[in-house]
Amino acid sequence: MTISFTDPKTLDHAALEEGTTFAPRFDAHGLLSVVTIEDGTKDILMVAHMNAETLSLTLETGIAHYWSRSRKAIWKKGETSGELQEVVELRTDCDQDCMVMVVRQTGRGAACHTGRKSCFYRRVTTDQGETRLEDTGLPRLFNPKDVYGG
């Protein structure tokens, strides 16, 4: 079963922003940005993209599916690593062009392919006009070479 979505062009402004019809507004590449956060802690785990097919798969299965822009393929989060994301809640913003997904991160609790809980393990710092990245100390929960090879 594939879930179909209402074309947002068929809705007026009020219906799109205040109504109950889910009409995701995919960009020119057919994608929506999705911020994924952990249930309970509300930590930001990652930002990824969905197309209509991966959004449908996510809603049908309750497991996060994304569109990999680099591989140009469907990406079932955790299919290789065992770090599946069970969907708790999916929200859309006011004009339905991006989403926030609340998940239960399974496995060892790592959402990032680097083996960390979150993809946001570095902060940007500026010192005397020089900008750098500084590690926040978020530990690896698995060794990516052991999981993905290489």
N, C-alpha and C. Protein backbone atom coordinates (compact mmCIF):
# COMPACT_ATOMS: atom_id res chain seq x y z
N MET A 1 0.85 -1.18 0.00
CA MET A 1 0.00 0.00 0.00
C MET A 1 0.88 1.24 0.00
N THR A 2 0.63 2.13 -0.91
CA THR A 2 1.35 3.39 -0.94
C THR A 2 0.37 4.49 -0.55
N ILE A 3 0.80 5.31 0.37
CA ILE A 3 -0.02 6.42 0.83
C ILE A 3 0.11 7.55 -0.18
N SER A 4 -1.00 8.14 -0.56
CA SER A 4 -0.95 9.30 -1.45
C SER A 4 -1.20 10.55 -0.62
N PHE A 5 -0.67 11.64 -1.12
CA PHE A 5 -0.79 12.91 -0.41
C PHE A 5 -1.54 13.91 -1.27
N THR A 6 -2.25 14.82 -0.61
CA THR A 6 -2.97 15.87 -1.30
C THR A 6 -1.97 16.85 -1.92
N ASP A 7 -2.24 17.27 -3.13
CA ASP A 7 -1.41 18.27 -3.80
C ASP A 7 -1.65 19.61 -3.10
N PRO A 8 -0.61 20.22 -2.55
CA PRO A 8 -0.82 21.49 -1.83
C PRO A 8 -1.36 22.61 -2.71
N LYS A 9 -1.18 22.51 -4.02
CA LYS A 9 -1.69 23.55 -4.93
C LYS A 9 -3.21 23.56 -4.97
N THR A 10 -3.83 22.47 -4.50
CA THR A 10 -5.30 22.41 -4.51
C THR A 10 -5.91 23.07 -3.27
N LEU A 11 -5.07 23.50 -2.34
CA LEU A 11 -5.57 24.10 -1.09
C LEU A 11 -5.33 25.60 -1.09
N ASP A 12 -6.26 26.32 -0.50
CA ASP A 12 -6.01 27.75 -0.33
C ASP A 12 -5.09 27.95 0.88
N HIS A 13 -4.66 29.17 1.06
CA HIS A 13 -3.69 29.50 2.11
C HIS A 13 -4.18 29.05 3.49
N ALA A 14 -5.41 29.35 3.81
CA ALA A 14 -5.97 29.01 5.13
C ALA A 14 -6.02 27.49 5.32
N ALA A 15 -6.42 26.77 4.29
CA ALA A 15 -6.51 25.31 4.40
C ALA A 15 -5.13 24.69 4.56
N LEU A 16 -4.15 25.23 3.84
CA LEU A 16 -2.79 24.71 3.93
C LEU A 16 -2.20 24.94 5.32
N GLU A 17 -2.40 26.16 5.85
CA GLU A 17 -1.75 26.52 7.11
C GLU A 17 -2.58 26.26 8.36
N GLU A 18 -3.87 26.11 8.24
CA GLU A 18 -4.71 25.94 9.42
C GLU A 18 -5.59 24.69 9.37
N GLY A 19 -5.67 24.06 8.22
CA GLY A 19 -6.59 22.94 8.04
C GLY A 19 -6.02 21.61 8.51
N THR A 20 -6.79 20.56 8.26
CA THR A 20 -6.41 19.21 8.69
C THR A 20 -5.91 18.33 7.55
N THR A 21 -5.83 18.87 6.35
CA THR A 21 -5.36 18.10 5.20
C THR A 21 -3.84 18.10 5.15
N PHE A 22 -3.26 16.90 5.13
CA PHE A 22 -1.80 16.77 5.01
C PHE A 22 -1.46 16.87 3.53
N ALA A 23 -0.75 17.94 3.18
CA ALA A 23 -0.38 18.22 1.79
C ALA A 23 1.08 18.66 1.75
N PRO A 24 2.01 17.72 1.92
CA PRO A 24 3.42 18.10 1.98
C PRO A 24 3.87 18.84 0.73
N ARG A 25 4.63 19.92 0.95
CA ARG A 25 5.13 20.76 -0.15
C ARG A 25 6.59 20.37 -0.42
N PHE A 26 6.78 19.41 -1.31
CA PHE A 26 8.11 18.97 -1.69
C PHE A 26 8.76 20.07 -2.53
N ASP A 27 10.10 20.19 -2.43
CA ASP A 27 10.81 21.22 -3.18
C ASP A 27 10.94 20.83 -4.66
N ALA A 28 11.67 21.62 -5.43
CA ALA A 28 11.83 21.38 -6.87
C ALA A 28 12.48 20.02 -7.16
N HIS A 29 13.20 19.47 -6.19
CA HIS A 29 13.83 18.16 -6.35
C HIS A 29 12.95 17.03 -5.79
N GLY A 30 11.75 17.39 -5.34
CA GLY A 30 10.82 16.39 -4.79
C GLY A 30 11.14 15.99 -3.36
N LEU A 31 11.82 16.88 -2.62
CA LEU A 31 12.27 16.54 -1.27
C LEU A 31 11.70 17.48 -0.21
N LEU A 32 11.61 16.96 1.01
CA LEU A 32 11.29 17.72 2.22
C LEU A 32 12.45 17.54 3.19
N SER A 33 12.83 18.57 3.91
CA SER A 33 13.82 18.44 4.98
C SER A 33 13.11 17.94 6.23
N VAL A 34 13.80 17.03 6.94
CA VAL A 34 13.25 16.44 8.16
C VAL A 34 14.28 16.55 9.27
N VAL A 35 13.91 17.20 10.37
CA VAL A 35 14.74 17.24 11.56
C VAL A 35 14.28 16.08 12.45
N THR A 36 15.20 15.19 12.79
CA THR A 36 14.86 14.02 13.59
C THR A 36 15.37 14.21 15.01
N ILE A 37 14.46 14.08 15.98
CA ILE A 37 14.82 14.25 17.39
C ILE A 37 14.47 12.99 18.16
N GLU A 38 15.16 12.80 19.27
CA GLU A 38 14.95 11.62 20.10
C GLU A 38 13.81 11.85 21.08
N ASP A 39 12.92 10.89 21.14
CA ASP A 39 11.84 10.93 22.10
C ASP A 39 12.42 10.92 23.51
N GLY A 40 11.84 11.64 24.39
CA GLY A 40 12.31 11.68 25.78
C GLY A 40 13.32 12.79 25.99
N THR A 41 14.50 12.68 25.38
CA THR A 41 15.55 13.69 25.60
C THR A 41 15.32 14.93 24.75
N LYS A 42 14.67 14.78 23.62
CA LYS A 42 14.46 15.83 22.62
C LYS A 42 15.78 16.29 22.00
N ASP A 43 16.83 15.46 22.10
CA ASP A 43 18.10 15.76 21.43
C ASP A 43 17.90 15.70 19.93
N ILE A 44 18.52 16.65 19.21
CA ILE A 44 18.50 16.61 17.76
C ILE A 44 19.47 15.53 17.32
N LEU A 45 18.97 14.54 16.59
CA LEU A 45 19.80 13.44 16.15
C LEU A 45 20.39 13.69 14.77
N MET A 46 19.57 14.22 13.86
CA MET A 46 20.03 14.36 12.49
C MET A 46 19.05 15.21 11.69
N VAL A 47 19.49 15.63 10.52
CA VAL A 47 18.65 16.28 9.53
C VAL A 47 18.84 15.49 8.23
N ALA A 48 17.73 15.14 7.60
CA ALA A 48 17.79 14.38 6.36
C ALA A 48 16.64 14.83 5.47
N HIS A 49 16.43 14.09 4.40
CA HIS A 49 15.38 14.45 3.43
C HIS A 49 14.50 13.25 3.14
N MET A 50 13.26 13.56 2.80
CA MET A 50 12.30 12.54 2.37
C MET A 50 11.69 12.98 1.05
N ASN A 51 11.39 11.99 0.22
CA ASN A 51 10.56 12.24 -0.95
C ASN A 51 9.19 11.60 -0.66
N ALA A 52 8.30 11.64 -1.62
CA ALA A 52 6.95 11.10 -1.38
C ALA A 52 7.00 9.61 -1.04
N GLU A 53 7.87 8.86 -1.71
CA GLU A 53 7.94 7.42 -1.47
C GLU A 53 8.47 7.10 -0.07
N THR A 54 9.53 7.80 0.37
CA THR A 54 10.08 7.51 1.70
C THR A 54 9.16 8.02 2.80
N LEU A 55 8.46 9.10 2.55
CA LEU A 55 7.47 9.57 3.52
C LEU A 55 6.35 8.54 3.65
N SER A 56 5.91 8.01 2.53
CA SER A 56 4.88 6.98 2.55
C SER A 56 5.37 5.73 3.29
N LEU A 57 6.60 5.28 3.00
CA LEU A 57 7.16 4.11 3.68
C LEU A 57 7.27 4.33 5.19
N THR A 58 7.67 5.54 5.57
CA THR A 58 7.78 5.88 6.99
C THR A 58 6.42 5.78 7.67
N LEU A 59 5.40 6.34 7.05
CA LEU A 59 4.06 6.31 7.62
C LEU A 59 3.49 4.89 7.64
N GLU A 60 3.76 4.10 6.62
CA GLU A 60 3.24 2.73 6.54
C GLU A 60 3.90 1.80 7.55
N THR A 61 5.21 1.93 7.73
CA THR A 61 5.96 0.96 8.54
C THR A 61 6.23 1.41 9.96
N GLY A 62 6.19 2.73 10.20
CA GLY A 62 6.55 3.25 11.52
C GLY A 62 8.05 3.28 11.75
N ILE A 63 8.83 3.01 10.70
CA ILE A 63 10.30 3.07 10.75
C ILE A 63 10.75 4.17 9.80
N ALA A 64 11.70 4.99 10.23
CA ALA A 64 12.17 6.11 9.42
C ALA A 64 12.84 5.64 8.13
N HIS A 65 12.39 6.20 7.03
CA HIS A 65 13.00 6.02 5.71
C HIS A 65 13.31 7.41 5.18
N TYR A 66 14.45 7.56 4.57
CA TYR A 66 14.87 8.85 4.02
C TYR A 66 15.27 8.66 2.56
N TRP A 67 15.53 9.78 1.90
CA TRP A 67 16.09 9.76 0.55
C TRP A 67 17.54 10.21 0.66
N SER A 68 18.45 9.35 0.24
CA SER A 68 19.87 9.70 0.24
C SER A 68 20.19 10.49 -1.02
N ARG A 69 20.50 11.76 -0.84
CA ARG A 69 20.83 12.59 -2.00
C ARG A 69 22.14 12.14 -2.64
N SER A 70 23.11 11.69 -1.83
CA SER A 70 24.40 11.29 -2.38
C SER A 70 24.30 9.97 -3.15
N ARG A 71 23.54 9.02 -2.63
CA ARG A 71 23.38 7.71 -3.29
C ARG A 71 22.21 7.69 -4.28
N LYS A 72 21.37 8.72 -4.18
CA LYS A 72 20.15 8.78 -4.99
C LYS A 72 19.33 7.49 -4.84
N ALA A 73 19.08 7.16 -3.57
CA ALA A 73 18.38 5.92 -3.27
C ALA A 73 17.63 6.03 -1.95
N ILE A 74 16.64 5.16 -1.78
CA ILE A 74 15.93 5.06 -0.51
C ILE A 74 16.89 4.56 0.54
N TRP A 75 16.77 5.15 1.72
CA TRP A 75 17.66 4.82 2.83
C TRP A 75 16.79 4.51 4.04
N LYS A 76 16.67 3.22 4.36
CA LYS A 76 15.97 2.82 5.58
C LYS A 76 16.97 2.98 6.71
N LYS A 77 16.75 3.95 7.56
CA LYS A 77 17.70 4.27 8.63
C LYS A 77 17.93 3.05 9.51
N GLY A 78 19.19 2.64 9.61
CA GLY A 78 19.55 1.53 10.48
C GLY A 78 19.52 0.17 9.81
N GLU A 79 19.21 0.11 8.53
CA GLU A 79 19.12 -1.19 7.85
C GLU A 79 20.45 -1.94 7.90
N THR A 80 21.57 -1.23 7.78
CA THR A 80 22.89 -1.86 7.84
C THR A 80 23.41 -1.93 9.27
N SER A 81 23.25 -0.84 10.02
CA SER A 81 23.85 -0.73 11.35
C SER A 81 23.01 -1.34 12.47
N GLY A 82 21.72 -1.53 12.23
CA GLY A 82 20.82 -1.98 13.29
C GLY A 82 20.29 -0.85 14.14
N GLU A 83 20.62 0.38 13.77
CA GLU A 83 20.20 1.57 14.52
C GLU A 83 18.91 2.14 13.93
N LEU A 84 17.84 1.34 13.96
CA LEU A 84 16.56 1.76 13.40
C LEU A 84 15.96 2.91 14.19
N GLN A 85 15.12 3.67 13.52
CA GLN A 85 14.41 4.76 14.18
C GLN A 85 12.91 4.46 14.12
N GLU A 86 12.33 4.19 15.29
CA GLU A 86 10.89 3.93 15.40
C GLU A 86 10.18 5.26 15.57
N VAL A 87 9.25 5.55 14.69
CA VAL A 87 8.57 6.84 14.68
C VAL A 87 7.57 6.92 15.83
N VAL A 88 7.69 7.97 16.62
CA VAL A 88 6.75 8.25 17.70
C VAL A 88 5.75 9.30 17.24
N GLU A 89 6.25 10.31 16.55
CA GLU A 89 5.39 11.41 16.10
C GLU A 89 6.04 12.09 14.91
N LEU A 90 5.21 12.54 13.99
CA LEU A 90 5.67 13.29 12.83
C LEU A 90 4.89 14.59 12.78
N ARG A 91 5.60 15.69 12.72
CA ARG A 91 4.96 17.01 12.67
C ARG A 91 5.38 17.73 11.40
N THR A 92 4.51 18.56 10.89
CA THR A 92 4.85 19.42 9.76
C THR A 92 4.79 20.86 10.23
N ASP A 93 5.52 21.73 9.56
CA ASP A 93 5.47 23.15 9.92
C ASP A 93 4.25 23.79 9.29
N CYS A 94 4.08 25.10 9.53
CA CYS A 94 2.86 25.80 9.14
C CYS A 94 2.55 25.74 7.65
N ASP A 95 3.57 25.82 6.80
CA ASP A 95 3.27 25.77 5.37
C ASP A 95 3.63 24.42 4.74
N GLN A 96 3.84 23.42 5.57
CA GLN A 96 4.01 22.02 5.19
C GLN A 96 5.18 21.78 4.23
N ASP A 97 6.29 22.54 4.43
CA ASP A 97 7.45 22.30 3.57
C ASP A 97 8.67 21.74 4.31
N CYS A 98 8.51 21.42 5.57
CA CYS A 98 9.54 20.68 6.32
C CYS A 98 8.86 20.00 7.51
N MET A 99 9.58 19.04 8.10
CA MET A 99 8.97 18.26 9.17
C MET A 99 9.95 18.03 10.32
N VAL A 100 9.37 17.72 11.47
CA VAL A 100 10.12 17.25 12.63
C VAL A 100 9.59 15.86 12.93
N MET A 101 10.52 14.91 13.07
CA MET A 101 10.13 13.55 13.39
C MET A 101 10.73 13.17 14.73
N VAL A 102 9.87 12.73 15.65
CA VAL A 102 10.30 12.26 16.96
C VAL A 102 10.42 10.74 16.86
N VAL A 103 11.58 10.21 17.27
CA VAL A 103 11.82 8.77 17.13
C VAL A 103 12.36 8.16 18.42
N ARG A 104 12.19 6.84 18.51
CA ARG A 104 12.92 6.04 19.49
C ARG A 104 14.09 5.45 18.73
N GLN A 105 15.29 5.85 19.11
CA GLN A 105 16.49 5.36 18.45
C GLN A 105 16.81 3.99 19.02
N THR A 106 16.86 2.97 18.19
CA THR A 106 17.09 1.60 18.65
C THR A 106 18.57 1.25 18.55
N GLY A 107 18.88 -0.01 18.75
CA GLY A 107 20.26 -0.48 18.67
C GLY A 107 21.08 0.05 19.83
N ARG A 108 22.25 0.55 19.52
CA ARG A 108 23.14 1.11 20.55
C ARG A 108 22.82 2.56 20.85
N GLY A 109 21.86 3.12 20.09
CA GLY A 109 21.45 4.51 20.32
C GLY A 109 22.16 5.51 19.45
N ALA A 110 22.80 5.06 18.37
CA ALA A 110 23.56 5.94 17.49
C ALA A 110 22.76 6.27 16.24
N ALA A 111 22.48 7.53 16.03
CA ALA A 111 21.80 7.95 14.81
C ALA A 111 22.80 8.31 13.71
N CYS A 112 24.02 8.64 14.09
CA CYS A 112 25.03 9.12 13.13
C CYS A 112 25.86 7.97 12.59
N HIS A 113 26.19 8.03 11.31
CA HIS A 113 27.02 6.99 10.70
C HIS A 113 28.45 6.98 11.24
N THR A 114 28.82 8.02 11.99
CA THR A 114 30.14 8.04 12.63
C THR A 114 30.14 7.25 13.93
N GLY A 115 28.97 6.71 14.31
CA GLY A 115 28.85 5.91 15.52
C GLY A 115 28.41 6.70 16.74
N ARG A 116 28.11 7.97 16.55
CA ARG A 116 27.68 8.81 17.66
C ARG A 116 26.15 8.88 17.75
N LYS A 117 25.67 9.28 18.91
CA LYS A 117 24.22 9.42 19.12
C LYS A 117 23.64 10.42 18.13
N SER A 118 24.32 11.53 17.92
CA SER A 118 23.82 12.62 17.09
C SER A 118 24.83 12.98 16.00
N CYS A 119 24.34 13.45 14.89
CA CYS A 119 25.22 13.97 13.83
C CYS A 119 25.80 15.32 14.22
N PHE A 120 25.27 15.93 15.26
CA PHE A 120 25.71 17.26 15.69
C PHE A 120 26.69 17.14 16.86
N TYR A 121 27.88 16.60 16.59
CA TYR A 121 28.89 16.35 17.62
C TYR A 121 30.03 17.37 17.58
N ARG A 122 29.91 18.38 16.73
CA ARG A 122 30.92 19.45 16.68
C ARG A 122 30.23 20.80 16.76
N ARG A 123 30.93 21.75 17.38
CA ARG A 123 30.41 23.12 17.44
C ARG A 123 31.36 24.02 16.66
N VAL A 124 30.82 25.10 16.13
CA VAL A 124 31.60 26.09 15.40
C VAL A 124 32.11 27.12 16.40
N THR A 125 33.42 27.37 16.37
CA THR A 125 34.01 28.39 17.24
C THR A 125 34.78 29.40 16.38
N THR A 126 34.87 30.59 16.88
CA THR A 126 35.64 31.64 16.21
C THR A 126 36.59 32.24 17.22
N ASP A 127 37.86 32.31 16.86
CA ASP A 127 38.88 32.89 17.72
C ASP A 127 39.80 33.73 16.87
N GLN A 128 39.86 35.03 17.14
CA GLN A 128 40.70 35.97 16.42
C GLN A 128 40.49 35.88 14.91
N GLY A 129 39.22 35.81 14.52
CA GLY A 129 38.85 35.80 13.11
C GLY A 129 38.99 34.45 12.43
N GLU A 130 39.44 33.43 13.14
CA GLU A 130 39.57 32.10 12.55
C GLU A 130 38.44 31.21 13.04
N THR A 131 37.76 30.59 12.11
CA THR A 131 36.64 29.71 12.43
C THR A 131 37.09 28.27 12.35
N ARG A 132 36.73 27.51 13.38
CA ARG A 132 37.10 26.09 13.46
C ARG A 132 35.93 25.27 13.97
N LEU A 133 36.10 23.96 13.86
CA LEU A 133 35.15 23.04 14.47
C LEU A 133 35.79 22.43 15.70
N GLU A 134 34.99 22.34 16.76
CA GLU A 134 35.47 21.79 18.03
C GLU A 134 34.57 20.61 18.40
N ASP A 135 35.18 19.49 18.72
CA ASP A 135 34.44 18.30 19.13
C ASP A 135 33.77 18.56 20.48
N THR A 136 32.50 18.15 20.60
CA THR A 136 31.77 18.36 21.85
C THR A 136 32.01 17.25 22.86
N GLY A 137 32.72 16.20 22.43
CA GLY A 137 32.99 15.08 23.33
C GLY A 137 31.95 13.99 23.30
N LEU A 138 31.02 14.05 22.35
CA LEU A 138 30.01 13.01 22.23
C LEU A 138 30.70 11.71 21.83
N PRO A 139 30.61 10.68 22.67
CA PRO A 139 31.37 9.45 22.41
C PRO A 139 30.79 8.62 21.27
N ARG A 140 31.64 7.82 20.66
CA ARG A 140 31.18 6.85 19.66
C ARG A 140 30.54 5.67 20.39
N LEU A 141 29.39 5.25 19.89
CA LEU A 141 28.70 4.09 20.46
C LEU A 141 29.01 2.83 19.67
N PHE A 142 29.60 2.98 18.51
CA PHE A 142 30.11 1.85 17.73
C PHE A 142 31.21 2.37 16.81
N ASN A 143 32.04 1.44 16.34
CA ASN A 143 33.10 1.77 15.41
C ASN A 143 32.54 1.62 13.99
N PRO A 144 32.50 2.72 13.23
CA PRO A 144 31.91 2.65 11.89
C PRO A 144 32.62 1.65 10.96
N LYS A 145 33.91 1.44 11.13
CA LYS A 145 34.63 0.49 10.27
C LYS A 145 34.14 -0.94 10.53
N ASP A 146 33.79 -1.24 11.78
CA ASP A 146 33.27 -2.56 12.12
C ASP A 146 31.88 -2.78 11.53
N VAL A 147 31.11 -1.70 11.44
CA VAL A 147 29.71 -1.80 10.99
C VAL A 147 29.60 -1.70 9.46
N TYR A 148 30.31 -0.73 8.88
CA TYR A 148 30.16 -0.45 7.45
C TYR A 148 31.32 -0.95 6.60
N GLY A 149 32.39 -1.43 7.27
CA GLY A 149 33.58 -1.87 6.54
C GLY A 149 34.47 -0.68 6.20
N GLY A 150 35.58 -0.98 5.55
CA GLY A 150 36.46 0.11 5.11
C GLY A 150 37.57 0.34 5.95
